[in-house]
Amino acid sequence: MMRQSPFTLSTPERVVDPLALRPRDAARVLGISERLLWDWTRTEGVPHVRIGNVVLYPVEVLKNWLAAKATTAEDDPGECP
């Protein structure tokens, strides 16, 4: 009987959710253009991390920021369709 290497996966490889998104991916999941994301980052304070020349949008922080920006019809009755 051939012995299995300790580095061989016995189960399918799991997909790991990213901790942070690049601007293009963050804009895509928000459903906005990358340009609008940059504008909001500058003017609306979209949370991001800059490491050298790389800008990342932490997924959980981005979700919390978006939830905090959400309004209900009672909060802003003139803006809802």
N, C-alpha and C. Protein backbone atom coordinates (compact mmCIF):
# COMPACT_ATOMS: atom_id res chain seq x y z
N MET A 1 0.84 -1.18 0.00
CA MET A 1 0.00 0.00 0.00
C MET A 1 0.89 1.25 0.00
N MET A 2 0.59 2.16 -0.90
CA MET A 2 1.38 3.38 -1.03
C MET A 2 0.94 4.39 0.03
N ARG A 3 1.91 4.97 0.69
CA ARG A 3 1.61 5.95 1.73
C ARG A 3 1.34 7.32 1.10
N GLN A 4 0.29 8.00 1.60
CA GLN A 4 -0.10 9.31 1.07
C GLN A 4 0.80 10.39 1.66
N SER A 5 1.21 11.32 0.83
CA SER A 5 2.03 12.43 1.29
C SER A 5 1.25 13.30 2.26
N PRO A 6 1.89 13.83 3.31
CA PRO A 6 1.18 14.71 4.24
C PRO A 6 0.72 16.01 3.59
N PHE A 7 1.24 16.30 2.40
CA PHE A 7 0.86 17.53 1.71
C PHE A 7 -0.30 17.34 0.74
N THR A 8 -0.79 16.15 0.61
CA THR A 8 -1.91 15.86 -0.28
C THR A 8 -3.21 16.17 0.44
N LEU A 9 -4.07 16.91 -0.22
CA LEU A 9 -5.38 17.22 0.36
C LEU A 9 -6.31 16.04 0.18
N SER A 10 -6.96 15.65 1.26
CA SER A 10 -7.90 14.54 1.15
C SER A 10 -9.32 15.04 0.91
N THR A 11 -9.53 16.35 1.03
CA THR A 11 -10.84 16.96 0.77
C THR A 11 -10.65 18.04 -0.29
N PRO A 12 -11.73 18.39 -0.98
CA PRO A 12 -11.60 19.47 -1.98
C PRO A 12 -11.08 20.75 -1.33
N GLU A 13 -10.31 21.48 -2.09
CA GLU A 13 -9.75 22.73 -1.59
C GLU A 13 -10.87 23.72 -1.29
N ARG A 14 -10.78 24.34 -0.13
CA ARG A 14 -11.79 25.32 0.25
C ARG A 14 -11.50 26.65 -0.41
N VAL A 15 -12.56 27.36 -0.73
CA VAL A 15 -12.41 28.71 -1.26
C VAL A 15 -12.35 29.66 -0.07
N VAL A 16 -11.37 30.51 -0.04
CA VAL A 16 -11.18 31.44 1.06
C VAL A 16 -11.67 32.81 0.63
N ASP A 17 -12.55 33.40 1.43
CA ASP A 17 -13.03 34.75 1.14
C ASP A 17 -11.91 35.75 1.42
N PRO A 18 -11.75 36.75 0.56
CA PRO A 18 -10.67 37.72 0.76
C PRO A 18 -10.95 38.61 1.97
N LEU A 19 -9.91 39.04 2.63
CA LEU A 19 -10.04 39.97 3.75
C LEU A 19 -10.25 41.39 3.24
N ALA A 20 -9.71 41.69 2.07
CA ALA A 20 -9.80 43.03 1.50
C ALA A 20 -9.88 42.92 -0.02
N LEU A 21 -10.43 43.97 -0.62
CA LEU A 21 -10.62 44.00 -2.07
C LEU A 21 -9.81 45.13 -2.69
N ARG A 22 -9.32 44.90 -3.90
CA ARG A 22 -8.71 45.96 -4.69
C ARG A 22 -9.83 46.89 -5.15
N PRO A 23 -9.53 48.13 -5.53
CA PRO A 23 -10.57 49.08 -5.93
C PRO A 23 -11.52 48.55 -7.00
N ARG A 24 -11.00 47.90 -8.03
CA ARG A 24 -11.86 47.40 -9.11
C ARG A 24 -12.89 46.39 -8.57
N ASP A 25 -12.44 45.49 -7.70
CA ASP A 25 -13.35 44.48 -7.15
C ASP A 25 -14.32 45.10 -6.15
N ALA A 26 -13.85 46.05 -5.35
CA ALA A 26 -14.74 46.72 -4.40
C ALA A 26 -15.85 47.47 -5.14
N ALA A 27 -15.49 48.17 -6.21
CA ALA A 27 -16.49 48.89 -7.00
C ALA A 27 -17.49 47.92 -7.61
N ARG A 28 -17.01 46.79 -8.10
CA ARG A 28 -17.88 45.80 -8.73
C ARG A 28 -18.90 45.25 -7.73
N VAL A 29 -18.46 44.89 -6.52
CA VAL A 29 -19.40 44.32 -5.55
C VAL A 29 -20.36 45.38 -5.02
N LEU A 30 -19.96 46.65 -5.05
CA LEU A 30 -20.87 47.72 -4.65
C LEU A 30 -21.82 48.12 -5.77
N GLY A 31 -21.51 47.70 -6.99
CA GLY A 31 -22.36 48.03 -8.13
C GLY A 31 -22.18 49.44 -8.62
N ILE A 32 -20.97 49.99 -8.44
CA ILE A 32 -20.68 51.35 -8.88
C ILE A 32 -19.41 51.33 -9.74
N SER A 33 -19.12 52.45 -10.37
CA SER A 33 -17.90 52.53 -11.17
C SER A 33 -16.70 52.72 -10.25
N GLU A 34 -15.55 52.36 -10.77
CA GLU A 34 -14.32 52.55 -10.01
C GLU A 34 -14.08 54.04 -9.75
N ARG A 35 -14.43 54.86 -10.72
CA ARG A 35 -14.28 56.32 -10.56
C ARG A 35 -15.14 56.84 -9.40
N LEU A 36 -16.38 56.37 -9.33
CA LEU A 36 -17.26 56.80 -8.24
C LEU A 36 -16.73 56.32 -6.89
N LEU A 37 -16.17 55.11 -6.86
CA LEU A 37 -15.57 54.62 -5.62
C LEU A 37 -14.44 55.53 -5.18
N TRP A 38 -13.58 55.96 -6.12
CA TRP A 38 -12.50 56.88 -5.76
C TRP A 38 -13.06 58.20 -5.25
N ASP A 39 -14.11 58.70 -5.90
CA ASP A 39 -14.73 59.96 -5.45
C ASP A 39 -15.29 59.81 -4.04
N TRP A 40 -16.01 58.71 -3.79
CA TRP A 40 -16.57 58.47 -2.46
C TRP A 40 -15.48 58.28 -1.42
N THR A 41 -14.39 57.64 -1.80
CA THR A 41 -13.28 57.44 -0.88
C THR A 41 -12.75 58.80 -0.43
N ARG A 42 -12.67 59.72 -1.36
CA ARG A 42 -12.16 61.06 -1.07
C ARG A 42 -13.17 61.92 -0.32
N THR A 43 -14.45 61.88 -0.73
CA THR A 43 -15.44 62.82 -0.19
C THR A 43 -16.34 62.23 0.90
N GLU A 44 -16.61 60.94 0.84
CA GLU A 44 -17.55 60.32 1.78
C GLU A 44 -16.85 59.49 2.85
N GLY A 45 -15.55 59.39 2.75
CA GLY A 45 -14.80 58.67 3.77
C GLY A 45 -14.94 57.15 3.71
N VAL A 46 -15.03 56.60 2.49
CA VAL A 46 -15.08 55.14 2.37
C VAL A 46 -13.80 54.60 3.01
N PRO A 47 -13.94 53.69 3.99
CA PRO A 47 -12.75 53.19 4.68
C PRO A 47 -11.86 52.36 3.77
N HIS A 48 -10.58 52.63 3.85
CA HIS A 48 -9.62 51.91 3.02
C HIS A 48 -8.28 51.86 3.74
N VAL A 49 -7.40 51.02 3.24
CA VAL A 49 -6.05 50.89 3.77
C VAL A 49 -5.09 51.12 2.62
N ARG A 50 -4.10 51.95 2.85
CA ARG A 50 -3.07 52.19 1.84
C ARG A 50 -1.75 51.64 2.38
N ILE A 51 -1.19 50.71 1.62
CA ILE A 51 0.12 50.15 1.97
C ILE A 51 1.02 50.41 0.77
N GLY A 52 1.88 51.38 0.91
CA GLY A 52 2.70 51.80 -0.23
C GLY A 52 1.79 52.37 -1.30
N ASN A 53 1.85 51.83 -2.50
CA ASN A 53 1.00 52.28 -3.61
C ASN A 53 -0.28 51.47 -3.74
N VAL A 54 -0.48 50.51 -2.86
CA VAL A 54 -1.64 49.62 -2.96
C VAL A 54 -2.76 50.12 -2.06
N VAL A 55 -3.96 50.24 -2.62
CA VAL A 55 -5.15 50.62 -1.85
C VAL A 55 -6.04 49.39 -1.75
N LEU A 56 -6.44 49.08 -0.52
CA LEU A 56 -7.32 47.94 -0.26
C LEU A 56 -8.53 48.40 0.53
N TYR A 57 -9.66 47.74 0.28
CA TYR A 57 -10.90 48.01 0.99
C TYR A 57 -11.24 46.77 1.81
N PRO A 58 -11.01 46.82 3.15
CA PRO A 58 -11.32 45.66 3.99
C PRO A 58 -12.81 45.32 3.90
N VAL A 59 -13.12 44.07 3.62
CA VAL A 59 -14.49 43.64 3.33
C VAL A 59 -15.43 43.93 4.50
N GLU A 60 -15.09 43.49 5.70
CA GLU A 60 -15.99 43.68 6.84
C GLU A 60 -16.18 45.15 7.19
N VAL A 61 -15.12 45.93 7.10
CA VAL A 61 -15.20 47.37 7.38
C VAL A 61 -16.07 48.05 6.33
N LEU A 62 -15.93 47.64 5.08
CA LEU A 62 -16.73 48.20 3.99
C LEU A 62 -18.21 47.87 4.19
N LYS A 63 -18.51 46.64 4.60
CA LYS A 63 -19.90 46.24 4.88
C LYS A 63 -20.48 47.09 6.00
N ASN A 64 -19.72 47.29 7.07
CA ASN A 64 -20.20 48.09 8.20
C ASN A 64 -20.41 49.54 7.80
N TRP A 65 -19.51 50.09 6.99
CA TRP A 65 -19.65 51.47 6.53
C TRP A 65 -20.92 51.63 5.71
N LEU A 66 -21.15 50.67 4.81
CA LEU A 66 -22.33 50.72 3.95
C LEU A 66 -23.61 50.62 4.78
N ALA A 67 -23.62 49.73 5.76
CA ALA A 67 -24.79 49.58 6.63
C ALA A 67 -25.05 50.86 7.42
N ALA A 68 -24.00 51.53 7.86
CA ALA A 68 -24.16 52.78 8.60
C ALA A 68 -24.70 53.89 7.70
N LYS A 69 -24.42 53.82 6.40
CA LYS A 69 -24.91 54.82 5.46
C LYS A 69 -26.36 54.58 5.05
N ALA A 70 -26.87 53.39 5.32
CA ALA A 70 -28.24 53.04 4.90
C ALA A 70 -29.24 53.91 5.66
N THR A 71 -30.28 54.34 4.94
CA THR A 71 -31.36 55.12 5.55
C THR A 71 -32.67 54.42 5.28
N THR A 72 -33.63 54.73 6.11
CA THR A 72 -34.97 54.19 5.89
C THR A 72 -35.85 55.31 5.35
N ALA A 73 -37.04 54.97 4.91
CA ALA A 73 -37.97 55.97 4.39
C ALA A 73 -38.30 57.00 5.47
N GLU A 74 -38.35 56.57 6.73
CA GLU A 74 -38.64 57.52 7.82
C GLU A 74 -37.50 58.51 8.02
N ASP A 75 -36.26 58.04 7.79
CA ASP A 75 -35.09 58.92 7.97
C ASP A 75 -35.00 59.97 6.87
N ASP A 76 -35.38 59.60 5.65
CA ASP A 76 -35.19 60.47 4.49
C ASP A 76 -36.33 60.26 3.50
N PRO A 77 -37.55 60.69 3.84
CA PRO A 77 -38.71 60.38 3.00
C PRO A 77 -38.66 60.98 1.59
N GLY A 78 -37.91 62.04 1.37
CA GLY A 78 -37.87 62.68 0.06
C GLY A 78 -36.99 61.97 -0.95
N GLU A 79 -36.12 61.10 -0.51
CA GLU A 79 -35.16 60.47 -1.40
C GLU A 79 -35.56 59.08 -1.86
N CYS A 80 -36.53 58.45 -1.22
CA CYS A 80 -36.92 57.08 -1.61
C CYS A 80 -37.93 57.12 -2.74
N PRO A 81 -37.83 56.17 -3.66
CA PRO A 81 -38.78 56.15 -4.80
C PRO A 81 -40.19 55.83 -4.36
